[in-house]
Amino acid sequence: MGSNAALSFRVSAEKTRAIDKLAKATDRPRSWHLEQALDEYLEAQAWQVERIHQGLKELQEGESVPHEDVAAWLSRWGSPDEGEAPG
């Protein structure tokens, strides 16, 4: 089992009341809720950063669709002559 580290940061009184209300309602400590929220945030941010890096790699390798092609398709979006999405 890994070791734990203490973190300290400031939040508004409103957020403190909200987390305390949630902790009481769920019979879980404040720290449990904060760790759950941090886990979800870190997962979402890691996913986003990975997708950005993947997109930049694809762009560098020439695996992209020119802006003009996308703009032209979007200008026809929803019309009878929409056609297939570029790319």
C-alpha atoms as a PDB file:
ATOM      1  CA  MET A   1       0.000   0.000   0.000  1.00  0.00           C
ATOM      2  CA  GLY A   2       1.333   3.445  -0.904  1.00  0.00           C
ATOM      3  CA  SER A   3       1.985   6.220   1.519  1.00  0.00           C
ATOM      4  CA  ASN A   4      -0.287   9.218   1.867  1.00  0.00           C
ATOM      5  CA  ALA A   5       0.684  12.848   1.666  1.00  0.00           C
ATOM      6  CA  ALA A   6      -1.095  15.812   3.171  1.00  0.00           C
ATOM      7  CA  LEU A   7      -2.194  18.613   0.845  1.00  0.00           C
ATOM      8  CA  SER A   8      -3.394  21.992   1.937  1.00  0.00           C
ATOM      9  CA  PHE A   9      -5.248  24.584  -0.093  1.00  0.00           C
ATOM     10  CA  ARG A  10      -7.813  27.301   0.414  1.00  0.00           C
ATOM     11  CA  VAL A  11     -11.399  27.210  -0.803  1.00  0.00           C
ATOM     12  CA  SER A  12     -14.352  29.482  -0.303  1.00  0.00           C
ATOM     13  CA  ALA A  13     -16.555  29.127   2.751  1.00  0.00           C
ATOM     14  CA  GLU A  14     -19.383  28.137   0.404  1.00  0.00           C
ATOM     15  CA  LYS A  15     -17.382  25.177  -0.915  1.00  0.00           C
ATOM     16  CA  THR A  16     -16.420  24.171   2.612  1.00  0.00           C
ATOM     17  CA  ARG A  17     -20.077  24.147   3.659  1.00  0.00           C
ATOM     18  CA  ALA A  18     -21.027  22.159   0.571  1.00  0.00           C
ATOM     19  CA  ILE A  19     -18.377  19.482   1.105  1.00  0.00           C
ATOM     20  CA  ASP A  20     -19.246  19.250   4.793  1.00  0.00           C
ATOM     21  CA  LYS A  21     -22.941  18.857   3.936  1.00  0.00           C
ATOM     22  CA  LEU A  22     -22.096  16.112   1.451  1.00  0.00           C
ATOM     23  CA  ALA A  23     -19.808  14.368   3.936  1.00  0.00           C
ATOM     24  CA  LYS A  24     -22.523  14.368   6.567  1.00  0.00           C
ATOM     25  CA  ALA A  25     -25.211  13.173   4.145  1.00  0.00           C
ATOM     26  CA  THR A  26     -23.078  10.265   2.939  1.00  0.00           C
ATOM     27  CA  ASP A  27     -21.416   9.433   6.248  1.00  0.00           C
ATOM     28  CA  ARG A  28     -18.033   9.764   4.565  1.00  0.00           C
ATOM     29  CA  PRO A  29     -15.179  12.009   5.633  1.00  0.00           C
ATOM     30  CA  ARG A  30     -14.477  15.235   3.809  1.00  0.00           C
ATOM     31  CA  SER A  31     -11.116  13.828   2.675  1.00  0.00           C
ATOM     32  CA  TRP A  32     -12.783  10.845   0.984  1.00  0.00           C
ATOM     33  CA  HIS A  33     -14.940  13.132  -1.163  1.00  0.00           C
ATOM     34  CA  LEU A  34     -12.015  15.379  -1.991  1.00  0.00           C
ATOM     35  CA  GLU A  35      -9.898  12.397  -3.044  1.00  0.00           C
ATOM     36  CA  GLN A  36     -12.732  11.093  -5.249  1.00  0.00           C
ATOM     37  CA  ALA A  37     -13.064  14.494  -6.900  1.00  0.00           C
ATOM     38  CA  LEU A  38      -9.306  14.755  -7.393  1.00  0.00           C
ATOM     39  CA  ASP A  39      -9.162  11.266  -8.934  1.00  0.00           C
ATOM     40  CA  GLU A  40     -11.860  12.193 -11.456  1.00  0.00           C
ATOM     41  CA  TYR A  41     -10.207  15.530 -12.255  1.00  0.00           C
ATOM     42  CA  LEU A  42      -6.796  13.952 -12.788  1.00  0.00           C
ATOM     43  CA  GLU A  43      -8.254  11.232 -14.999  1.00  0.00           C
ATOM     44  CA  ALA A  44     -10.095  13.777 -17.156  1.00  0.00           C
ATOM     45  CA  GLN A  45      -7.053  16.023 -17.474  1.00  0.00           C
ATOM     46  CA  ALA A  46      -4.752  13.102 -18.346  1.00  0.00           C
ATOM     47  CA  TRP A  47      -7.230  11.997 -21.042  1.00  0.00           C
ATOM     48  CA  GLN A  48      -7.381  15.503 -22.475  1.00  0.00           C
ATOM     49  CA  VAL A  49      -3.600  15.959 -22.521  1.00  0.00           C
ATOM     50  CA  GLU A  50      -3.156  12.553 -24.190  1.00  0.00           C
ATOM     51  CA  ARG A  51      -5.715  13.428 -26.875  1.00  0.00           C
ATOM     52  CA  ILE A  52      -3.978  16.764 -27.515  1.00  0.00           C
ATOM     53  CA  HIS A  53      -0.604  15.018 -27.891  1.00  0.00           C
ATOM     54  CA  GLN A  54      -2.180  12.413 -30.175  1.00  0.00           C
ATOM     55  CA  GLY A  55      -3.744  15.138 -32.315  1.00  0.00           C
ATOM     56  CA  LEU A  56      -0.469  17.039 -32.575  1.00  0.00           C
ATOM     57  CA  LYS A  57       1.336  13.843 -33.604  1.00  0.00           C
ATOM     58  CA  GLU A  58      -1.289  13.158 -36.284  1.00  0.00           C
ATOM     59  CA  LEU A  59      -0.938  16.732 -37.517  1.00  0.00           C
ATOM     60  CA  GLN A  60       2.872  16.422 -37.720  1.00  0.00           C
ATOM     61  CA  GLU A  61       2.481  13.166 -39.649  1.00  0.00           C
ATOM     62  CA  GLY A  62       0.147  14.821 -42.156  1.00  0.00           C
ATOM     63  CA  GLU A  63      -2.934  12.976 -40.926  1.00  0.00           C
ATOM     64  CA  SER A  64      -5.201  15.990 -40.912  1.00  0.00           C
ATOM     65  CA  VAL A  65      -8.081  17.447 -42.882  1.00  0.00           C
ATOM     66  CA  PRO A  66      -7.589  20.943 -44.289  1.00  0.00           C
ATOM     67  CA  HIS A  67      -9.627  23.630 -42.563  1.00  0.00           C
ATOM     68  CA  GLU A  68     -11.183  24.689 -45.858  1.00  0.00           C
ATOM     69  CA  ASP A  69     -12.595  21.173 -46.408  1.00  0.00           C
ATOM     70  CA  VAL A  70     -14.165  21.098 -42.953  1.00  0.00           C
ATOM     71  CA  ALA A  71     -15.547  24.644 -43.306  1.00  0.00           C
ATOM     72  CA  ALA A  72     -17.073  23.839 -46.686  1.00  0.00           C
ATOM     73  CA  TRP A  73     -18.706  20.684 -45.352  1.00  0.00           C
ATOM     74  CA  LEU A  74     -20.045  22.521 -42.286  1.00  0.00           C
ATOM     75  CA  SER A  75     -21.572  25.196 -44.522  1.00  0.00           C
ATOM     76  CA  ARG A  76     -23.639  22.401 -46.143  1.00  0.00           C
ATOM     77  CA  TRP A  77     -24.349  20.578 -42.860  1.00  0.00           C
ATOM     78  CA  GLY A  78     -28.003  19.601 -42.525  1.00  0.00           C
ATOM     79  CA  SER A  79     -28.806  20.370 -46.145  1.00  0.00           C
ATOM     80  CA  PRO A  80     -29.678  17.786 -48.825  1.00  0.00           C
ATOM     81  CA  ASP A  81     -26.226  18.199 -50.404  1.00  0.00           C
ATOM     82  CA  GLU A  82     -24.334  17.816 -47.111  1.00  0.00           C
ATOM     83  CA  GLY A  83     -22.309  14.863 -48.341  1.00  0.00           C
ATOM     84  CA  GLU A  84     -19.845  12.809 -46.341  1.00  0.00           C
ATOM     85  CA  ALA A  85     -17.749  14.360 -43.602  1.00  0.00           C
ATOM     86  CA  PRO A  86     -14.224  15.117 -44.823  1.00  0.00           C
ATOM     87  CA  GLY A  87     -11.356  12.975 -43.684  1.00  0.00           C
END
